């Protein structure tokens, strides 16, 4: 879907009709958003603006491709975090700043774009251009990322409570911790990518000649705070993982201790039974009339002595 926000009679208007968009003068453009558009439409806009609008869908974007500065335009390739309720992924997005307006190209609908469309309806057009819209969208994307991080933090809190209850401590919890760590790695990589973008555009002539440096400084501080928070979540997950492994090892040690105690208690009776179970002819004890009760008594006494010894040592 193609959406254009443009200036008309001192107000912002929004249209989605491709043919009508082509009729609007570029001088009235504020923001052209290309959401999963057809290749034909994208090619038409590339020809119209003389700018390559191809998305880079590689997971690792080289810095030379991430940020491209030309005399008449600025291209920024980065990635959006997308959470569908089950899986967290990174999706490519392209920002192009040209002649005072913004062009965006992306393959998924994002909440930050929807919010910006609504906000533009009541914005002051005298203070509005492509650079301001870009920075506002970037801030909203960071807010969306923070929401995802808070969701993961809540999952970590729930996981911690489950471990503190000492119930259902099994390998599934280890898989859960690993999944949360993988999500944090993806988020951290995504945030660092955004940090590099902000650092690059802060050095760009397109921004250094404007009064947007203060806004970018605030964004940089926000990004650093997010990275610190991610590091805190990593440390907490590592602590939970160590605690879980310790509890699992403790349970295994308790089980092994029980098996050891039972084996030691039944070792004397087993030894006596083995001796008198041998098929030798000359075993005078076998002919003794009280041999059986005496053997049973000795077995029970030795077992009780072993049990008493373990209790005295506080091993059970």
C-alpha atoms as a PDB file:
ATOM      1  CA  UNK A   1       0.000   0.000   0.000  1.00  0.00           C
ATOM      2  CA  UNK A   2       1.270   3.484  -0.918  1.00  0.00           C
ATOM      3  CA  UNK A   3       0.426   6.417   1.347  1.00  0.00           C
ATOM      4  CA  UNK A   4       1.300  10.053   0.798  1.00  0.00           C
ATOM      5  CA  UNK A   5       1.053  12.797   3.413  1.00  0.00           C
ATOM      6  CA  UNK A   6       1.239  16.192   1.749  1.00  0.00           C
ATOM      7  CA  UNK A   7       0.450  19.852   2.359  1.00  0.00           C
ATOM      8  CA  UNK A   8      -2.804  21.289   1.085  1.00  0.00           C
ATOM      9  CA  UNK A   9      -4.265  24.676   2.053  1.00  0.00           C
ATOM     10  CA  UNK A  10      -2.159  24.858   5.206  1.00  0.00           C
ATOM     11  CA  UNK A  11      -3.252  21.388   6.370  1.00  0.00           C
ATOM     12  CA  UNK A  12      -1.871  17.857   5.994  1.00  0.00           C
ATOM     13  CA  UNK A  13      -3.774  15.510   3.723  1.00  0.00           C
ATOM     14  CA  UNK A  14      -3.355  11.780   3.268  1.00  0.00           C
ATOM     15  CA  UNK A  15      -4.115   9.771   0.130  1.00  0.00           C
ATOM     16  CA  UNK A  16      -3.541   6.151  -0.917  1.00  0.00           C
ATOM     17  CA  UNK A  17      -4.405   6.315  -4.618  1.00  0.00           C
ATOM     18  CA  UNK A  18      -1.277   5.636  -6.695  1.00  0.00           C
ATOM     19  CA  UNK A  19      -2.343   7.686  -9.719  1.00  0.00           C
ATOM     20  CA  UNK A  20      -3.389  10.685  -7.615  1.00  0.00           C
ATOM     21  CA  UNK A  21      -0.090  10.577  -5.757  1.00  0.00           C
ATOM     22  CA  UNK A  22       1.755  11.012  -9.034  1.00  0.00           C
ATOM     23  CA  UNK A  23      -0.229  14.187  -9.696  1.00  0.00           C
ATOM     24  CA  UNK A  24       0.819  15.891  -6.434  1.00  0.00           C
ATOM     25  CA  UNK A  25       3.760  18.341  -6.819  1.00  0.00           C
ATOM     26  CA  UNK A  26       6.895  17.180  -5.006  1.00  0.00           C
ATOM     27  CA  UNK A  27       7.123  20.538  -3.279  1.00  0.00           C
ATOM     28  CA  UNK A  28       3.980  19.608  -1.304  1.00  0.00           C
ATOM     29  CA  UNK A  29       5.286  16.202  -0.208  1.00  0.00           C
ATOM     30  CA  UNK A  30       5.866  15.539   3.481  1.00  0.00           C
ATOM     31  CA  UNK A  31       6.038  11.758   3.709  1.00  0.00           C
ATOM     32  CA  UNK A  32       5.657   9.009   1.136  1.00  0.00           C
ATOM     33  CA  UNK A  33       5.263   5.588   2.733  1.00  0.00           C
ATOM     34  CA  UNK A  34       5.668   2.426   0.649  1.00  0.00           C
ATOM     35  CA  UNK A  35       4.282  -0.582   2.507  1.00  0.00           C
ATOM     36  CA  UNK A  36       4.890  -3.878   0.703  1.00  0.00           C
ATOM     37  CA  UNK A  37       4.310  -2.205  -2.663  1.00  0.00           C
ATOM     38  CA  UNK A  38       4.322  -3.894  -6.046  1.00  0.00           C
ATOM     39  CA  UNK A  39       7.570  -3.930  -7.964  1.00  0.00           C
ATOM     40  CA  UNK A  40       5.978  -1.857 -10.734  1.00  0.00           C
ATOM     41  CA  UNK A  41       4.987   0.932  -8.341  1.00  0.00           C
ATOM     42  CA  UNK A  42       8.400   0.907  -6.677  1.00  0.00           C
ATOM     43  CA  UNK A  43      10.137   1.148 -10.061  1.00  0.00           C
ATOM     44  CA  UNK A  44       7.908   4.072 -11.004  1.00  0.00           C
ATOM     45  CA  UNK A  45       8.851   5.976  -7.857  1.00  0.00           C
ATOM     46  CA  UNK A  46      12.544   5.162  -8.393  1.00  0.00           C
ATOM     47  CA  UNK A  47      12.322   6.673 -11.845  1.00  0.00           C
ATOM     48  CA  UNK A  48      10.354   9.649 -10.524  1.00  0.00           C
ATOM     49  CA  UNK A  49      12.740  10.488  -7.672  1.00  0.00           C
ATOM     50  CA  UNK A  50      15.940   9.161  -9.261  1.00  0.00           C
ATOM     51  CA  UNK A  51      16.643   7.146  -6.077  1.00  0.00           C
ATOM     52  CA  UNK A  52      17.137   3.404  -5.573  1.00  0.00           C
ATOM     53  CA  UNK A  53      14.383   2.260  -3.154  1.00  0.00           C
ATOM     54  CA  UNK A  54      15.434  -1.398  -2.978  1.00  0.00           C
ATOM     55  CA  UNK A  55      15.267  -2.955   0.495  1.00  0.00           C
ATOM     56  CA  UNK A  56      18.397  -4.703   1.763  1.00  0.00           C
ATOM     57  CA  UNK A  57      17.078  -7.925   3.273  1.00  0.00           C
ATOM     58  CA  UNK A  58      20.385  -9.301   4.498  1.00  0.00           C
ATOM     59  CA  UNK A  59      20.538  -9.823   8.263  1.00  0.00           C
ATOM     60  CA  UNK A  60      23.927  -8.120   8.405  1.00  0.00           C
ATOM     61  CA  UNK A  61      23.982  -4.809   6.553  1.00  0.00           C
ATOM     62  CA  UNK A  62      27.397  -3.391   5.710  1.00  0.00           C
ATOM     63  CA  UNK A  63      27.886   0.144   6.993  1.00  0.00           C
ATOM     64  CA  UNK A  64      28.544   1.405   3.455  1.00  0.00           C
ATOM     65  CA  UNK A  65      25.042   0.233   2.523  1.00  0.00           C
ATOM     66  CA  UNK A  66      23.403   1.192   5.822  1.00  0.00           C
ATOM     67  CA  UNK A  67      24.073   4.893   5.410  1.00  0.00           C
ATOM     68  CA  UNK A  68      24.436   6.547   1.995  1.00  0.00           C
ATOM     69  CA  UNK A  69      24.814  10.323   1.754  1.00  0.00           C
ATOM     70  CA  UNK A  70      24.519  12.192  -1.505  1.00  0.00           C
ATOM     71  CA  UNK A  71      24.297  15.888  -2.247  1.00  0.00           C
ATOM     72  CA  UNK A  72      20.545  15.768  -2.950  1.00  0.00           C
ATOM     73  CA  UNK A  73      19.420  12.905  -0.700  1.00  0.00           C
ATOM     74  CA  UNK A  74      20.205  10.726   2.278  1.00  0.00           C
ATOM     75  CA  UNK A  75      19.518   6.961   2.471  1.00  0.00           C
ATOM     76  CA  UNK A  76      19.287   5.016   5.725  1.00  0.00           C
ATOM     77  CA  UNK A  77      18.938   1.237   5.822  1.00  0.00           C
ATOM     78  CA  UNK A  78      18.129  -0.322   9.175  1.00  0.00           C
ATOM     79  CA  UNK A  79      15.888  -3.001  10.689  1.00  0.00           C
ATOM     80  CA  UNK A  80      12.584  -2.988  12.560  1.00  0.00           C
ATOM     81  CA  UNK A  81      11.792  -5.333  15.418  1.00  0.00           C
ATOM     82  CA  UNK A  82       8.548  -7.187  14.791  1.00  0.00           C
ATOM     83  CA  UNK A  83       6.763  -9.184  17.500  1.00  0.00           C
ATOM     84  CA  UNK A  84       3.797 -11.265  16.333  1.00  0.00           C
ATOM     85  CA  UNK A  85       2.971 -12.584  19.808  1.00  0.00           C
ATOM     86  CA  UNK A  86       5.087 -15.713  19.406  1.00  0.00           C
ATOM     87  CA  UNK A  87       8.213 -14.897  17.434  1.00  0.00           C
ATOM     88  CA  UNK A  88      10.535 -11.898  17.396  1.00  0.00           C
ATOM     89  CA  UNK A  89      12.108 -11.022  14.041  1.00  0.00           C
ATOM     90  CA  UNK A  90      13.977  -8.160  12.420  1.00  0.00           C
ATOM     91  CA  UNK A  91      12.561  -6.650   9.230  1.00  0.00           C
ATOM     92  CA  UNK A  92      14.342  -4.329   6.798  1.00  0.00           C
ATOM     93  CA  UNK A  93      13.294  -0.702   6.354  1.00  0.00           C
ATOM     94  CA  UNK A  94      14.593   2.092   4.149  1.00  0.00           C
ATOM     95  CA  UNK A  95      14.437   5.827   4.936  1.00  0.00           C
ATOM     96  CA  UNK A  96      15.181   8.364   2.202  1.00  0.00           C
ATOM     97  CA  UNK A  97      15.399  12.096   2.899  1.00  0.00           C
ATOM     98  CA  UNK A  98      15.163  14.172  -0.269  1.00  0.00           C
ATOM     99  CA  UNK A  99      14.187  17.779  -0.971  1.00  0.00           C
ATOM    100  CA  UNK A 100      12.583  18.296   2.437  1.00  0.00           C
ATOM    101  CA  UNK A 101      10.333  15.222   2.406  1.00  0.00           C
ATOM    102  CA  UNK A 102      10.659  11.650   3.640  1.00  0.00           C
ATOM    103  CA  UNK A 103      10.281   8.360   1.751  1.00  0.00           C
ATOM    104  CA  UNK A 104       9.975   5.067   3.635  1.00  0.00           C
ATOM    105  CA  UNK A 105       9.933   1.557   2.198  1.00  0.00           C
ATOM    106  CA  UNK A 106       9.199  -1.478   4.350  1.00  0.00           C
ATOM    107  CA  UNK A 107       7.487  -4.847   4.135  1.00  0.00           C
ATOM    108  CA  UNK A 108       5.439  -4.963   7.356  1.00  0.00           C
ATOM    109  CA  UNK A 109       2.882  -2.729   9.014  1.00  0.00           C
ATOM    110  CA  UNK A 110       4.403  -1.155  12.122  1.00  0.00           C
ATOM    111  CA  UNK A 111       2.641   0.518  15.039  1.00  0.00           C
ATOM    112  CA  UNK A 112       5.044   3.480  15.035  1.00  0.00           C
ATOM    113  CA  UNK A 113       4.009   4.394  11.471  1.00  0.00           C
ATOM    114  CA  UNK A 114       0.317   4.205  12.306  1.00  0.00           C
ATOM    115  CA  UNK A 115       0.832   6.482  15.310  1.00  0.00           C
ATOM    116  CA  UNK A 116       2.787   8.998  13.242  1.00  0.00           C
ATOM    117  CA  UNK A 117       0.069   9.120  10.580  1.00  0.00           C
ATOM    118  CA  UNK A 118      -2.480  10.004  13.274  1.00  0.00           C
ATOM    119  CA  UNK A 119      -0.173  12.569  14.877  1.00  0.00           C
ATOM    120  CA  UNK A 120       0.469  14.334  11.564  1.00  0.00           C
ATOM    121  CA  UNK A 121      -3.235  15.096  11.211  1.00  0.00           C
ATOM    122  CA  UNK A 122      -2.974  17.644  14.044  1.00  0.00           C
ATOM    123  CA  UNK A 123       0.617  18.840  13.554  1.00  0.00           C
ATOM    124  CA  UNK A 124       1.748  22.384  12.774  1.00  0.00           C
ATOM    125  CA  UNK A 125       2.868  22.321   9.129  1.00  0.00           C
ATOM    126  CA  UNK A 126       5.052  25.397   9.594  1.00  0.00           C
ATOM    127  CA  UNK A 127       7.423  23.324  11.731  1.00  0.00           C
ATOM    128  CA  UNK A 128       7.137  20.117   9.759  1.00  0.00           C
ATOM    129  CA  UNK A 129       9.437  18.564   7.163  1.00  0.00           C
ATOM    130  CA  UNK A 130      10.929  15.208   6.247  1.00  0.00           C
ATOM    131  CA  UNK A 131      13.736  15.400   8.810  1.00  0.00           C
ATOM    132  CA  UNK A 132      11.361  16.085  11.695  1.00  0.00           C
ATOM    133  CA  UNK A 133       9.035  13.279  10.598  1.00  0.00           C
ATOM    134  CA  UNK A 134      12.010  10.900  10.350  1.00  0.00           C
ATOM    135  CA  UNK A 135      13.190  11.724  13.890  1.00  0.00           C
ATOM    136  CA  UNK A 136       9.655  11.405  15.286  1.00  0.00           C
ATOM    137  CA  UNK A 137       9.219   8.000  13.627  1.00  0.00           C
ATOM    138  CA  UNK A 138      12.634   6.928  14.905  1.00  0.00           C
ATOM    139  CA  UNK A 139      11.644   7.885  18.455  1.00  0.00           C
ATOM    140  CA  UNK A 140       8.389   5.927  18.136  1.00  0.00           C
ATOM    141  CA  UNK A 141      10.285   2.884  16.843  1.00  0.00           C
ATOM    142  CA  UNK A 142      12.506   3.047  19.943  1.00  0.00           C
ATOM    143  CA  UNK A 143       9.403   3.262  22.151  1.00  0.00           C
ATOM    144  CA  UNK A 144       8.047   0.151  20.425  1.00  0.00           C
ATOM    145  CA  UNK A 145      11.386  -1.607  21.054  1.00  0.00           C
ATOM    146  CA  UNK A 146      11.188  -0.641  24.726  1.00  0.00           C
ATOM    147  CA  UNK A 147       7.709  -2.223  24.937  1.00  0.00           C
ATOM    148  CA  UNK A 148       9.174  -5.483  23.594  1.00  0.00           C
ATOM    149  CA  UNK A 149      12.026  -5.331  26.121  1.00  0.00           C
ATOM    150  CA  UNK A 150       9.542  -4.746  28.961  1.00  0.00           C
ATOM    151  CA  UNK A 151       7.579  -7.801  27.774  1.00  0.00           C
ATOM    152  CA  UNK A 152      10.756  -9.880  27.949  1.00  0.00           C
ATOM    153  CA  UNK A 153      11.548  -8.422  31.382  1.00  0.00           C
ATOM    154  CA  UNK A 154       8.096  -9.503  32.583  1.00  0.00           C
ATOM    155  CA  UNK A 155       8.790 -13.014  31.243  1.00  0.00           C
ATOM    156  CA  UNK A 156      12.058 -13.014  33.198  1.00  0.00           C
ATOM    157  CA  UNK A 157      10.213 -11.989  36.398  1.00  0.00           C
ATOM    158  CA  UNK A 158       7.675 -14.794  35.868  1.00  0.00           C
ATOM    159  CA  UNK A 159      10.508 -17.261  35.256  1.00  0.00           C
ATOM    160  CA  UNK A 160      12.281 -16.123  38.419  1.00  0.00           C
ATOM    161  CA  UNK A 161       9.118 -16.638  40.500  1.00  0.00           C
ATOM    162  CA  UNK A 162       8.685 -20.115  39.047  1.00  0.00           C
ATOM    163  CA  UNK A 163      12.230 -21.045  40.044  1.00  0.00           C
ATOM    164  CA  UNK A 164      11.792 -19.553  43.517  1.00  0.00           C
ATOM    165  CA  UNK A 165       8.731 -21.765  44.017  1.00  0.00           C
ATOM    166  CA  UNK A 166      11.039 -24.749  43.310  1.00  0.00           C
ATOM    167  CA  UNK A 167       8.352 -26.487  41.300  1.00  0.00           C
ATOM    168  CA  UNK A 168       8.633 -28.081  37.866  1.00  0.00           C
ATOM    169  CA  UNK A 169      12.370 -27.534  37.657  1.00  0.00           C
ATOM    170  CA  UNK A 170      13.181 -29.332  34.429  1.00  0.00           C
ATOM    171  CA  UNK A 171      14.994 -28.871  31.131  1.00  0.00           C
ATOM    172  CA  UNK A 172      12.060 -26.888  29.680  1.00  0.00           C
ATOM    173  CA  UNK A 173      13.098 -23.946  31.867  1.00  0.00           C
ATOM    174  CA  UNK A 174      16.601 -24.080  30.371  1.00  0.00           C
ATOM    175  CA  UNK A 175      15.083 -23.911  26.874  1.00  0.00           C
ATOM    176  CA  UNK A 176      12.970 -20.924  28.005  1.00  0.00           C
ATOM    177  CA  UNK A 177      16.060 -19.108  29.297  1.00  0.00           C
ATOM    178  CA  UNK A 178      17.899 -19.799  26.036  1.00  0.00           C
ATOM    179  CA  UNK A 179      14.952 -18.450  24.002  1.00  0.00           C
ATOM    180  CA  UNK A 180      14.868 -15.247  26.088  1.00  0.00           C
ATOM    181  CA  UNK A 181      18.623 -14.825  25.654  1.00  0.00           C
ATOM    182  CA  UNK A 182      18.262 -15.214  21.869  1.00  0.00           C
ATOM    183  CA  UNK A 183      15.570 -12.500  21.831  1.00  0.00           C
ATOM    184  CA  UNK A 184      17.753 -10.132  23.826  1.00  0.00           C
ATOM    185  CA  UNK A 185      20.668 -10.759  21.449  1.00  0.00           C
ATOM    186  CA  UNK A 186      18.429  -9.888  18.483  1.00  0.00           C
ATOM    187  CA  UNK A 187      17.165  -6.730  20.224  1.00  0.00           C
ATOM    188  CA  UNK A 188      20.653  -5.643  21.242  1.00  0.00           C
ATOM    189  CA  UNK A 189      21.952  -6.097  17.694  1.00  0.00           C
ATOM    190  CA  UNK A 190      18.974  -4.135  16.389  1.00  0.00           C
ATOM    191  CA  UNK A 191      19.456  -1.290  18.886  1.00  0.00           C
ATOM    192  CA  UNK A 192      23.178  -1.056  18.151  1.00  0.00           C
ATOM    193  CA  UNK A 193      22.297  -0.799  14.464  1.00  0.00           C
ATOM    194  CA  UNK A 194      20.017   2.158  15.272  1.00  0.00           C
ATOM    195  CA  UNK A 195      22.768   3.696  17.387  1.00  0.00           C
ATOM    196  CA  UNK A 196      25.163   3.574  14.435  1.00  0.00           C
ATOM    197  CA  UNK A 197      22.494   5.181  12.247  1.00  0.00           C
ATOM    198  CA  UNK A 198      22.042   8.095  14.670  1.00  0.00           C
ATOM    199  CA  UNK A 199      25.796   8.557  14.996  1.00  0.00           C
ATOM    200  CA  UNK A 200      26.115   8.644  11.208  1.00  0.00           C
ATOM    201  CA  UNK A 201      23.344  11.150  10.569  1.00  0.00           C
ATOM    202  CA  UNK A 202      24.621  13.386  13.386  1.00  0.00           C
ATOM    203  CA  UNK A 203      27.755  13.842  11.266  1.00  0.00           C
ATOM    204  CA  UNK A 204      25.795  14.378   8.063  1.00  0.00           C
ATOM    205  CA  UNK A 205      25.605  17.834   6.479  1.00  0.00           C
ATOM    206  CA  UNK A 206      21.870  17.250   6.025  1.00  0.00           C
ATOM    207  CA  UNK A 207      21.464  17.414   9.819  1.00  0.00           C
ATOM    208  CA  UNK A 208      24.438  19.387  11.122  1.00  0.00           C
ATOM    209  CA  UNK A 209      23.215  22.400   9.163  1.00  0.00           C
ATOM    210  CA  UNK A 210      19.806  22.120  10.856  1.00  0.00           C
ATOM    211  CA  UNK A 211      18.753  22.516  14.478  1.00  0.00           C
ATOM    212  CA  UNK A 212      18.025  18.813  15.006  1.00  0.00           C
ATOM    213  CA  UNK A 213      21.261  17.939  16.839  1.00  0.00           C
ATOM    214  CA  UNK A 214      19.627  18.367  20.265  1.00  0.00           C
ATOM    215  CA  UNK A 215      16.914  15.871  19.334  1.00  0.00           C
ATOM    216  CA  UNK A 216      19.523  13.383  18.113  1.00  0.00           C
ATOM    217  CA  UNK A 217      21.488  13.820  21.344  1.00  0.00           C
ATOM    218  CA  UNK A 218      18.364  12.867  23.307  1.00  0.00           C
ATOM    219  CA  UNK A 219      17.849   9.843  21.036  1.00  0.00           C
ATOM    220  CA  UNK A 220      21.470   8.773  21.581  1.00  0.00           C
ATOM    221  CA  UNK A 221      20.975   8.927  25.362  1.00  0.00           C
ATOM    222  CA  UNK A 222      17.744   6.932  25.050  1.00  0.00           C
ATOM    223  CA  UNK A 223      19.549   4.273  23.020  1.00  0.00           C
ATOM    224  CA  UNK A 224      22.323   4.033  25.602  1.00  0.00           C
ATOM    225  CA  UNK A 225      19.732   3.647  28.375  1.00  0.00           C
ATOM    226  CA  UNK A 226      18.063   0.853  26.394  1.00  0.00           C
ATOM    227  CA  UNK A 227      21.405  -0.931  25.940  1.00  0.00           C
ATOM    228  CA  UNK A 228      22.079  -0.659  29.694  1.00  0.00           C
ATOM    229  CA  UNK A 229      18.648  -2.123  30.413  1.00  0.00           C
ATOM    230  CA  UNK A 230      19.291  -5.006  27.994  1.00  0.00           C
ATOM    231  CA  UNK A 231      22.601  -5.693  29.763  1.00  0.00           C
ATOM    232  CA  UNK A 232      20.721  -5.808  33.084  1.00  0.00           C
ATOM    233  CA  UNK A 233      18.289  -8.377  31.641  1.00  0.00           C
ATOM    234  CA  UNK A 234      21.224 -10.437  30.350  1.00  0.00           C
ATOM    235  CA  UNK A 235      22.820 -10.450  33.807  1.00  0.00           C
ATOM    236  CA  UNK A 236      19.530 -11.408  35.419  1.00  0.00           C
ATOM    237  CA  UNK A 237      19.022 -14.286  32.990  1.00  0.00           C
ATOM    238  CA  UNK A 238      22.563 -15.492  33.650  1.00  0.00           C
ATOM    239  CA  UNK A 239      21.895 -15.387  37.407  1.00  0.00           C
ATOM    240  CA  UNK A 240      18.611 -17.291  36.960  1.00  0.00           C
ATOM    241  CA  UNK A 241      20.349 -19.852  34.757  1.00  0.00           C
ATOM    242  CA  UNK A 242      23.092 -20.415  37.345  1.00  0.00           C
ATOM    243  CA  UNK A 243      20.482 -20.679  40.113  1.00  0.00           C
ATOM    244  CA  UNK A 244      18.448 -23.188  38.099  1.00  0.00           C
ATOM    245  CA  UNK A 245      21.485 -25.336  37.319  1.00  0.00           C
ATOM    246  CA  UNK A 246      22.438 -25.240  40.991  1.00  0.00           C
ATOM    247  CA  UNK A 247      18.954 -26.364  42.082  1.00  0.00           C
ATOM    248  CA  UNK A 248      18.866 -29.134  39.479  1.00  0.00           C
ATOM    249  CA  UNK A 249      22.320 -30.352  40.590  1.00  0.00           C
ATOM    250  CA  UNK A 250      21.171 -30.196  44.230  1.00  0.00           C
ATOM    251  CA  UNK A 251      18.140 -32.346  43.448  1.00  0.00           C
ATOM    252  CA  UNK A 252      20.301 -34.830  41.601  1.00  0.00           C
ATOM    253  CA  UNK A 253      22.723 -34.947  44.557  1.00  0.00           C
ATOM    254  CA  UNK A 254      19.825 -35.595  46.956  1.00  0.00           C
ATOM    255  CA  UNK A 255      18.619 -38.471  44.774  1.00  0.00           C
ATOM    256  CA  UNK A 256      22.127 -39.919  44.598  1.00  0.00           C
ATOM    257  CA  UNK A 257      22.475 -39.551  48.391  1.00  0.00           C
ATOM    258  CA  UNK A 258      19.243 -41.470  48.951  1.00  0.00           C
ATOM    259  CA  UNK A 259      20.420 -44.285  46.675  1.00  0.00           C
ATOM    260  CA  UNK A 260      23.783 -44.358  48.484  1.00  0.00           C
ATOM    261  CA  UNK A 261      22.185 -44.509  51.950  1.00  0.00           C
ATOM    262  CA  UNK A 262      19.799 -47.287  50.931  1.00  0.00           C
ATOM    263  CA  UNK A 263      22.697 -49.240  49.401  1.00  0.00           C
ATOM    264  CA  UNK A 264      24.843 -48.882  52.539  1.00  0.00           C
ATOM    265  CA  UNK A 265      21.964 -49.858  54.868  1.00  0.00           C
ATOM    266  CA  UNK A 266      21.301 -53.052  52.932  1.00  0.00           C
ATOM    267  CA  UNK A 267      24.980 -53.867  52.415  1.00  0.00           C
ATOM    268  CA  UNK A 268      25.537 -55.800  55.734  1.00  0.00           C
ATOM    269  CA  UNK A 269      22.411 -57.981  55.311  1.00  0.00           C
ATOM    270  CA  UNK A 270      23.440 -58.630  51.712  1.00  0.00           C
ATOM    271  CA  UNK A 271      26.953 -59.627  52.844  1.00  0.00           C
ATOM    272  CA  UNK A 272      25.623 -62.044  55.491  1.00  0.00           C
ATOM    273  CA  UNK A 273      23.096 -63.546  53.101  1.00  0.00           C
ATOM    274  CA  UNK A 274      25.825 -63.985  50.491  1.00  0.00           C
ATOM    275  CA  UNK A 275      28.124 -65.800  52.929  1.00  0.00           C
ATOM    276  CA  UNK A 276      25.520 -68.249  54.121  1.00  0.00           C
ATOM    277  CA  UNK A 277      24.143 -68.678  50.655  1.00  0.00           C
ATOM    278  CA  UNK A 278      27.342 -70.411  49.530  1.00  0.00           C
ATOM    279  CA  UNK A 279      27.006 -74.144  48.867  1.00  0.00           C
ATOM    280  CA  UNK A 280      29.700 -75.495  51.194  1.00  0.00           C
ATOM    281  CA  UNK A 281      29.109 -78.712  53.132  1.00  0.00           C
ATOM    282  CA  UNK A 282      31.065 -77.836  56.287  1.00  0.00           C
ATOM    283  CA  UNK A 283      29.178 -74.796  57.613  1.00  0.00           C
ATOM    284  CA  UNK A 284      28.396 -75.600  61.288  1.00  0.00           C
ATOM    285  CA  UNK A 285      26.208 -72.495  61.738  1.00  0.00           C
ATOM    286  CA  UNK A 286      23.613 -73.971  59.398  1.00  0.00           C
ATOM    287  CA  UNK A 287      22.968 -76.844  61.859  1.00  0.00           C
ATOM    288  CA  UNK A 288      22.598 -74.570  64.841  1.00  0.00           C
ATOM    289  CA  UNK A 289      18.885 -74.456  65.873  1.00  0.00           C
ATOM    290  CA  UNK A 290      18.856 -70.661  66.424  1.00  0.00           C
ATOM    291  CA  UNK A 291      20.995 -69.779  63.413  1.00  0.00           C
ATOM    292  CA  UNK A 292      18.131 -68.260  61.397  1.00  0.00           C
ATOM    293  CA  UNK A 293      16.808 -65.804  64.070  1.00  0.00           C
ATOM    294  CA  UNK A 294      20.382 -64.883  65.016  1.00  0.00           C
ATOM    295  CA  UNK A 295      21.248 -64.082  61.372  1.00  0.00           C
ATOM    296  CA  UNK A 296      18.092 -61.992  60.983  1.00  0.00           C
ATOM    297  CA  UNK A 297      18.879 -60.146  64.221  1.00  0.00           C
ATOM    298  CA  UNK A 298      22.451 -59.417  63.125  1.00  0.00           C
ATOM    299  CA  UNK A 299      21.211 -58.120  59.767  1.00  0.00           C
ATOM    300  CA  UNK A 300      18.655 -55.829  61.383  1.00  0.00           C
ATOM    301  CA  UNK A 301      21.157 -54.606  63.999  1.00  0.00           C
ATOM    302  CA  UNK A 302      23.796 -53.713  61.421  1.00  0.00           C
ATOM    303  CA  UNK A 303      21.229 -51.902  59.271  1.00  0.00           C
ATOM    304  CA  UNK A 304      19.961 -49.927  62.260  1.00  0.00           C
ATOM    305  CA  UNK A 305      23.516 -49.043  63.306  1.00  0.00           C
ATOM    306  CA  UNK A 306      24.227 -47.719  59.790  1.00  0.00           C
ATOM    307  CA  UNK A 307      20.981 -45.718  59.860  1.00  0.00           C
ATOM    308  CA  UNK A 308      21.846 -44.312  63.313  1.00  0.00           C
ATOM    309  CA  UNK A 309      25.331 -43.354  62.104  1.00  0.00           C
ATOM    310  CA  UNK A 310      23.916 -41.445  59.105  1.00  0.00           C
ATOM    311  CA  UNK A 311      21.472 -39.555  61.310  1.00  0.00           C
ATOM    312  CA  UNK A 312      24.172 -38.698  63.806  1.00  0.00           C
ATOM    313  CA  UNK A 313      26.287 -37.271  60.995  1.00  0.00           C
ATOM    314  CA  UNK A 314      23.141 -35.409  59.767  1.00  0.00           C
ATOM    315  CA  UNK A 315      23.425 -36.956  56.339  1.00  0.00           C
ATOM    316  CA  UNK A 316      19.698 -37.762  56.439  1.00  0.00           C
END
